[in-house]
């Protein structure tokens, strides 16, 4: 069938369903501009979406690729992970070709966001699927008259068969802040990152691509514009405390996030910034 983009109802929330001629598929929620599903051509689901996720618009949807802006995590005075993942966006563009499907969603400041973060801005999230590849790009423009600064992330939940058996390559030698150990700064000395306990790390200045090995499956992970990589798994105790996660949910997910967390990105009036994460099923 030809590439197609259609509006669907996903657990009561409006969403866009993307398909390509080769059989790649994705679902993007209008609420939060959040990629909720990605199946590469001829493959299996690669994103983790909690079966206990809440879709009533009162909270962020647990899983997929939430957009964190203008604050990552609790690194500031704003709500955790910012203000965009819990608000509806507007569809700005839809395009489909012989072997790709693309959607762009846009968010412009509102009276509601101004009360929390008094800045004029436009954020655009562009999602492209083609073959075995998913590209997610966040663009931020300062439309006001004064500079502002922000942190941000694409909070990507990757689906794994069993997290203890997954291996993340490419972070050897990098410095990271360990949020699971009182924010101590450490240096990664292992050939691979293995998750065997609560893991919450922000790796700094990562320039090389990463590779996630998950049994017989591998996933290439590359970022541009985002200087940091967050690796997160809540493990048993913290997962059990999350109302929108099943007790064993931590076993089937690993967040590998493109982030700008250590240093804020500063934008002068009229300037824009772009960050992208690419996932390639191997």
Protein backbone atom coordinates (compact mmCIF):
# COMPACT_ATOMS: atom_id res chain seq x y z
CA UNK A 1 0.00 0.00 0.00
CA UNK A 2 1.23 3.58 -0.61
CA UNK A 3 2.58 5.76 2.20
CA UNK A 4 -0.24 7.24 4.23
CA UNK A 5 -0.99 9.54 7.16
CA UNK A 6 -4.38 9.39 8.83
CA UNK A 7 -5.96 10.82 11.97
CA UNK A 8 -7.01 8.15 14.46
CA UNK A 9 -8.38 7.85 17.97
CA UNK A 10 -5.76 6.33 20.28
CA UNK A 11 -7.17 5.50 23.73
CA UNK A 12 -9.43 8.56 23.44
CA UNK A 13 -6.67 10.90 22.28
CA UNK A 14 -6.38 12.17 18.68
CA UNK A 15 -3.25 10.86 17.00
CA UNK A 16 -1.63 10.53 13.59
CA UNK A 17 -0.91 7.09 12.15
CA UNK A 18 1.98 7.03 9.66
CA UNK A 19 2.66 4.14 7.29
CA UNK A 20 5.11 3.72 4.42
CA UNK A 21 4.93 1.58 1.32
CA UNK A 22 7.57 -0.73 2.79
CA UNK A 23 5.47 -1.29 5.91
CA UNK A 24 7.10 1.02 8.47
CA UNK A 25 4.58 2.42 10.95
CA UNK A 26 4.40 5.06 13.67
CA UNK A 27 1.76 6.68 15.86
CA UNK A 28 2.16 10.29 17.04
CA UNK A 29 -0.16 11.74 19.68
CA UNK A 30 -1.38 15.33 19.24
CA UNK A 31 -1.28 15.59 23.04
CA UNK A 32 2.36 16.29 23.83
CA UNK A 33 3.49 15.72 20.21
CA UNK A 34 4.56 12.32 21.46
CA UNK A 35 5.66 9.39 19.31
CA UNK A 36 3.83 6.44 20.90
CA UNK A 37 4.75 3.62 18.54
CA UNK A 38 7.39 2.87 15.91
CA UNK A 39 7.58 -0.35 13.93
CA UNK A 40 10.34 -0.39 11.28
CA UNK A 41 9.62 -2.06 7.94
CA UNK A 42 9.47 -5.80 8.42
CA UNK A 43 10.22 -5.47 12.11
CA UNK A 44 8.67 -5.37 15.58
CA UNK A 45 7.70 -2.56 17.94
CA UNK A 46 10.81 -0.67 19.09
CA UNK A 47 9.29 1.79 21.58
CA UNK A 48 7.99 0.93 25.03
CA UNK A 49 4.52 2.23 25.86
CA UNK A 50 3.27 1.39 29.33
CA UNK A 51 0.11 -0.77 29.30
CA UNK A 52 -0.92 1.28 32.37
CA UNK A 53 -0.39 4.67 30.68
CA UNK A 54 -3.00 7.37 31.37
CA UNK A 55 -4.68 9.10 28.42
CA UNK A 56 -7.06 11.53 30.11
CA UNK A 57 -4.97 14.64 29.39
CA UNK A 58 -4.18 15.22 33.07
CA UNK A 59 -0.65 13.82 32.95
CA UNK A 60 2.07 12.87 30.49
CA UNK A 61 1.64 9.58 28.63
CA UNK A 62 4.10 7.03 30.03
CA UNK A 63 6.32 5.73 27.26
CA UNK A 64 7.10 6.45 23.63
CA UNK A 65 9.09 9.67 23.13
CA UNK A 66 7.89 12.51 25.39
CA UNK A 67 9.22 16.01 24.62
CA UNK A 68 10.93 17.68 27.60
CA UNK A 69 11.07 21.49 27.26
CA UNK A 70 12.00 24.09 28.50
CA UNK A 71 13.30 22.10 31.44
CA UNK A 72 14.74 18.62 31.66
CA UNK A 73 13.82 16.66 34.82
CA UNK A 74 13.96 18.77 37.99
CA UNK A 75 16.86 20.95 36.85
CA UNK A 76 15.11 24.23 37.60
CA UNK A 77 11.97 25.76 39.06
CA UNK A 78 9.52 24.68 36.36
CA UNK A 79 7.38 21.52 36.46
CA UNK A 80 9.42 18.34 35.98
CA UNK A 81 10.30 17.89 32.30
CA UNK A 82 8.75 21.23 31.41
CA UNK A 83 5.42 22.27 29.96
CA UNK A 84 5.01 20.76 26.48
CA UNK A 85 4.41 17.06 27.13
CA UNK A 86 1.06 17.73 28.83
CA UNK A 87 -0.48 20.08 26.27
CA UNK A 88 -2.08 19.64 22.85
CA UNK A 89 -0.04 20.69 19.81
CA UNK A 90 -1.23 21.69 16.32
CA UNK A 91 -0.53 19.74 13.15
CA UNK A 92 1.57 22.02 10.92
CA UNK A 93 2.53 19.69 8.07
CA UNK A 94 1.84 16.19 6.71
CA UNK A 95 3.77 14.72 3.79
CA UNK A 96 4.12 11.22 2.39
CA UNK A 97 6.27 10.03 -0.52
CA UNK A 98 7.17 6.71 -2.11
CA UNK A 99 9.20 5.56 0.86
CA UNK A 100 8.64 8.02 3.72
CA UNK A 101 5.98 9.67 5.86
CA UNK A 102 6.52 12.97 7.70
CA UNK A 103 4.50 15.01 10.18
CA UNK A 104 5.33 18.28 11.92
CA UNK A 105 3.50 19.43 15.04
CA UNK A 106 3.78 22.96 16.38
CA UNK A 107 3.32 24.59 19.77
CA UNK A 108 3.23 28.35 20.33
CA UNK A 109 3.15 29.89 23.80
CA UNK A 110 -0.27 30.37 25.38
CA UNK A 111 -1.56 32.40 28.33
CA UNK A 112 -1.35 29.14 30.26
CA UNK A 113 2.35 28.53 29.50
CA UNK A 114 3.18 32.24 29.92
CA UNK A 115 1.97 32.06 33.51
CA UNK A 116 4.53 29.30 34.13
CA UNK A 117 7.34 30.39 31.80
CA UNK A 118 6.93 33.97 30.50
CA UNK A 119 8.60 33.59 27.11
CA UNK A 120 7.53 33.92 23.48
CA UNK A 121 8.54 30.82 21.55
CA UNK A 122 7.55 28.34 18.87
CA UNK A 123 8.43 24.66 19.21
CA UNK A 124 8.14 22.26 16.29
CA UNK A 125 8.50 18.49 16.41
CA UNK A 126 9.05 16.70 13.10
CA UNK A 127 8.73 12.92 12.88
CA UNK A 128 9.92 11.04 9.79
CA UNK A 129 9.74 7.30 9.17
CA UNK A 130 11.38 5.54 6.25
CA UNK A 131 12.33 1.88 5.98
CA UNK A 132 14.19 0.95 9.14
CA UNK A 133 14.72 4.54 10.33
CA UNK A 134 12.93 6.97 12.65
CA UNK A 135 14.01 10.62 12.87
CA UNK A 136 12.60 12.91 15.55
CA UNK A 137 13.62 16.57 15.37
CA UNK A 138 12.83 19.31 17.88
CA UNK A 139 13.19 22.92 16.73
CA UNK A 140 12.81 25.87 19.10
CA UNK A 141 12.57 29.51 17.99
CA UNK A 142 12.78 32.53 20.28
CA UNK A 143 10.02 34.80 18.94
CA UNK A 144 10.33 37.32 21.77
CA UNK A 145 12.49 40.41 22.22
CA UNK A 146 14.89 39.11 24.87
CA UNK A 147 17.15 36.07 25.18
CA UNK A 148 16.05 32.95 27.05
CA UNK A 149 17.72 29.70 28.10
CA UNK A 150 16.39 26.16 28.39
CA UNK A 151 17.20 22.50 28.86
CA UNK A 152 15.46 19.83 26.80
CA UNK A 153 15.30 16.15 25.90
CA UNK A 154 13.63 13.57 23.73
CA UNK A 155 12.78 11.12 26.52
CA UNK A 156 12.93 7.96 24.39
CA UNK A 157 11.59 4.74 25.94
CA UNK A 158 13.07 1.81 24.00
CA UNK A 159 11.45 -1.61 24.18
CA UNK A 160 13.76 -4.47 25.15
CA UNK A 161 13.05 -8.17 25.67
CA UNK A 162 14.79 -8.23 29.06
CA UNK A 163 16.68 -5.17 30.29
CA UNK A 164 19.31 -7.15 32.20
CA UNK A 165 20.36 -8.79 28.94
CA UNK A 166 20.48 -5.55 26.93
CA UNK A 167 23.86 -3.99 26.14
CA UNK A 168 24.40 -0.31 25.29
CA UNK A 169 27.66 0.41 23.46
CA UNK A 170 29.40 3.72 22.74
CA UNK A 171 29.64 5.42 26.14
CA UNK A 172 33.03 4.10 27.24
CA UNK A 173 35.26 6.83 28.69
CA UNK A 174 32.49 9.42 28.98
CA UNK A 175 31.88 11.40 32.15
CA UNK A 176 28.39 11.19 33.62
CA UNK A 177 26.34 12.53 36.49
CA UNK A 178 24.82 9.67 38.48
CA UNK A 179 21.40 10.77 39.75
CA UNK A 180 20.95 7.36 41.40
CA UNK A 181 24.06 8.03 43.52
CA UNK A 182 23.64 11.56 44.93
CA UNK A 183 24.56 13.25 41.61
CA UNK A 184 28.17 12.10 41.85
CA UNK A 185 30.18 12.68 38.68
CA UNK A 186 31.84 9.49 37.42
CA UNK A 187 33.59 8.19 34.34
CA UNK A 188 32.27 5.17 32.46
CA UNK A 189 34.96 2.50 32.35
CA UNK A 190 33.03 -0.44 30.93
CA UNK A 191 32.90 -1.54 27.31
CA UNK A 192 29.09 -1.61 27.56
CA UNK A 193 26.42 -0.18 29.85
CA UNK A 194 24.55 -3.00 31.60
CA UNK A 195 21.44 -2.31 33.71
CA UNK A 196 21.34 -4.38 36.90
CA UNK A 197 19.87 -1.84 39.32
CA UNK A 198 18.27 1.60 39.27
CA UNK A 199 20.06 3.57 36.56
CA UNK A 200 19.76 7.33 36.08
CA UNK A 201 22.76 8.85 34.32
CA UNK A 202 23.42 11.96 32.26
CA UNK A 203 26.43 11.36 30.00
CA UNK A 204 28.18 14.54 28.86
CA UNK A 205 29.44 15.60 25.42
CA UNK A 206 28.58 12.40 23.59
CA UNK A 207 29.53 12.75 19.94
CA UNK A 208 29.67 9.15 18.75
CA UNK A 209 26.70 6.97 17.73
CA UNK A 210 25.42 4.40 20.20
CA UNK A 211 24.40 0.79 19.63
CA UNK A 212 21.79 -1.03 21.72
CA UNK A 213 22.04 -4.81 21.49
CA UNK A 214 18.87 -6.62 22.57
CA UNK A 215 19.21 -10.34 21.94
CA UNK A 216 19.10 -10.88 18.18
CA UNK A 217 18.04 -7.25 17.58
CA UNK A 218 20.25 -4.17 17.43
CA UNK A 219 19.37 -0.49 17.28
CA UNK A 220 21.63 2.32 16.14
CA UNK A 221 21.09 5.57 18.05
CA UNK A 222 22.46 8.91 16.88
CA UNK A 223 21.88 12.49 18.04
CA UNK A 224 22.64 15.92 16.61
CA UNK A 225 22.33 19.19 18.50
CA UNK A 226 21.80 17.39 21.81
CA UNK A 227 25.17 17.18 23.62
CA UNK A 228 24.11 14.75 26.36
CA UNK A 229 22.72 11.22 26.60
CA UNK A 230 20.45 10.15 29.44
CA UNK A 231 20.25 6.45 30.34
CA UNK A 232 17.38 5.63 32.70
CA UNK A 233 15.67 2.58 34.15
CA UNK A 234 13.67 2.92 37.40
CA UNK A 235 14.23 -0.71 38.44
CA UNK A 236 11.94 -2.64 40.74
CA UNK A 237 11.30 -0.33 43.69
CA UNK A 238 10.83 2.95 41.81
CA UNK A 239 8.82 1.24 39.08
CA UNK A 240 6.40 -0.13 41.69
CA UNK A 241 5.85 3.46 42.90
CA UNK A 242 4.76 4.63 39.44
CA UNK A 243 0.98 4.38 39.14
CA UNK A 244 1.14 4.31 35.33
CA UNK A 245 3.65 1.44 35.08
CA UNK A 246 3.05 -2.28 35.67
CA UNK A 247 5.23 -3.79 38.40
CA UNK A 248 7.41 -5.62 35.86
CA UNK A 249 7.43 -2.78 33.31
CA UNK A 250 11.03 -1.84 34.09
CA UNK A 251 12.18 -5.19 32.68
CA UNK A 252 10.97 -4.32 29.17
CA UNK A 253 12.17 -0.74 28.77
CA UNK A 254 15.35 1.28 28.69
CA UNK A 255 15.35 5.03 28.18
CA UNK A 256 18.19 6.28 25.98
CA UNK A 257 17.47 9.98 25.62
CA UNK A 258 18.94 12.75 23.49
CA UNK A 259 19.31 15.64 25.92
CA UNK A 260 20.68 19.09 26.60
CA UNK A 261 20.85 18.80 30.37
CA UNK A 262 24.22 19.79 31.79
CA UNK A 263 24.38 23.25 30.24
CA UNK A 264 21.41 25.37 29.25
CA UNK A 265 21.01 26.35 25.62
CA UNK A 266 20.81 30.11 25.22
CA UNK A 267 18.78 31.64 22.41
CA UNK A 268 18.83 35.31 21.52
CA UNK A 269 15.66 36.97 20.20
CA UNK A 270 14.96 35.70 16.70
CA UNK A 271 17.34 32.74 16.96
CA UNK A 272 16.42 29.10 16.65
CA UNK A 273 17.93 25.78 17.79
CA UNK A 274 17.51 22.27 16.39
CA UNK A 275 18.14 18.90 18.04
CA UNK A 276 17.54 15.50 16.49
CA UNK A 277 17.57 11.84 17.48
CA UNK A 278 17.73 9.09 14.85
CA UNK A 279 16.94 5.43 15.52
CA UNK A 280 17.94 2.79 12.98
CA UNK A 281 16.82 -0.82 13.27
CA UNK A 282 19.73 -3.10 12.36
